Protein backbone atom coordinates (compact mmCIF):
# COMPACT_ATOMS: atom_id res chain seq x y z
CA UNK A 1 -0.59 26.48 40.32
CA UNK A 2 0.14 25.04 36.90
CA UNK A 3 -1.59 21.90 35.78
CA UNK A 4 0.02 19.40 33.48
CA UNK A 5 -1.39 19.53 29.99
CA UNK A 6 -2.20 16.32 28.25
CA UNK A 7 -0.43 16.20 24.94
CA UNK A 8 -1.91 14.45 21.97
CA UNK A 9 0.39 12.40 19.80
CA UNK A 10 0.61 13.66 16.25
CA UNK A 11 -1.01 11.37 13.72
CA UNK A 12 1.31 9.38 11.51
CA UNK A 13 0.67 10.17 7.86
CA UNK A 14 1.76 8.02 4.95
CA UNK A 15 0.95 9.11 1.40
CA UNK A 16 1.29 6.98 -1.70
CA UNK A 17 0.87 7.30 -5.44
CA UNK A 18 -0.07 4.07 -7.19
CA UNK A 19 0.12 3.80 -10.97
CA UNK A 20 -1.60 0.84 -12.59
CA UNK A 21 -0.87 -0.56 -16.04
CA UNK A 22 -3.60 -2.87 -17.29
CA UNK A 23 -2.60 -5.03 -20.23
CA UNK A 24 -5.27 -5.25 -22.91
CA UNK A 25 -5.97 -7.90 -24.13
CA UNK A 26 -5.42 -10.42 -21.31
CA UNK A 27 -2.16 -12.38 -21.34
CA UNK A 28 -2.15 -15.62 -23.34
CA UNK A 29 -4.62 -18.07 -21.80
CA UNK A 30 -5.84 -15.55 -19.20
CA UNK A 31 -9.39 -14.37 -18.62
CA UNK A 32 -8.52 -11.09 -16.88
CA UNK A 33 -6.18 -8.37 -18.10
CA UNK A 34 -2.68 -8.45 -16.65
CA UNK A 35 -2.05 -5.95 -13.85
CA UNK A 36 1.22 -4.29 -12.96
CA UNK A 37 2.33 -0.93 -11.76
CA UNK A 38 4.45 1.29 -9.58
CA UNK A 39 3.91 2.49 -6.01
CA UNK A 40 5.61 5.57 -4.57
CA UNK A 41 5.83 6.46 -0.87
CA UNK A 42 5.70 10.26 -0.91
CA UNK A 43 7.47 11.00 2.39
CA UNK A 44 10.57 8.89 1.60
CA UNK A 45 10.40 9.09 -2.21
CA UNK A 46 10.89 5.29 -2.24
CA UNK A 47 9.38 3.59 -5.26
CA UNK A 48 8.73 -0.05 -6.13
CA UNK A 49 7.38 -1.87 -9.16
CA UNK A 50 4.85 -4.66 -8.73
CA UNK A 51 3.31 -7.29 -10.95
CA UNK A 52 0.94 -8.68 -8.31
CA UNK A 53 -1.25 -6.73 -5.89
CA UNK A 54 0.24 -8.67 -2.97
CA UNK A 55 3.63 -7.10 -3.70
CA UNK A 56 2.10 -3.62 -3.53
CA UNK A 57 0.48 -4.48 -0.19
CA UNK A 58 3.84 -5.69 1.17
CA UNK A 59 5.34 -2.32 0.21
CA UNK A 60 2.48 -0.46 1.92
CA UNK A 61 2.95 -2.52 5.08
CA UNK A 62 6.46 -1.10 5.48
CA UNK A 63 4.84 2.24 6.31
CA UNK A 64 1.28 1.41 7.43
CA UNK A 65 0.32 -1.38 9.87
CA UNK A 66 -2.36 -2.95 7.68
CA UNK A 67 -4.47 -5.87 8.81
CA UNK A 68 -5.17 -8.40 6.12
CA UNK A 69 -7.68 -11.23 6.10
CA UNK A 70 -4.84 -13.75 6.35
CA UNK A 71 -3.70 -12.36 9.69
CA UNK A 72 -7.17 -12.24 11.22
CA UNK A 73 -8.33 -15.56 9.81
CA UNK A 74 -10.80 -13.86 7.46
CA UNK A 75 -11.19 -14.05 3.69
């Protein structure tokens, strides 16, 4: 008699390359250096530029179900 084998779902893998460009000195009137960059999703070869970290996170969330402090009421 054959028994049914339990199959494990394959893990979902998302790989990214993030390139940061830090402006030195800080932008006029700023206290921190400006931050911008490019993010590349390896599996799809889709790339996006960002000038705020929140934009990079939005791109990541297309491929990875991230929880942020805003959604959970934290931070």
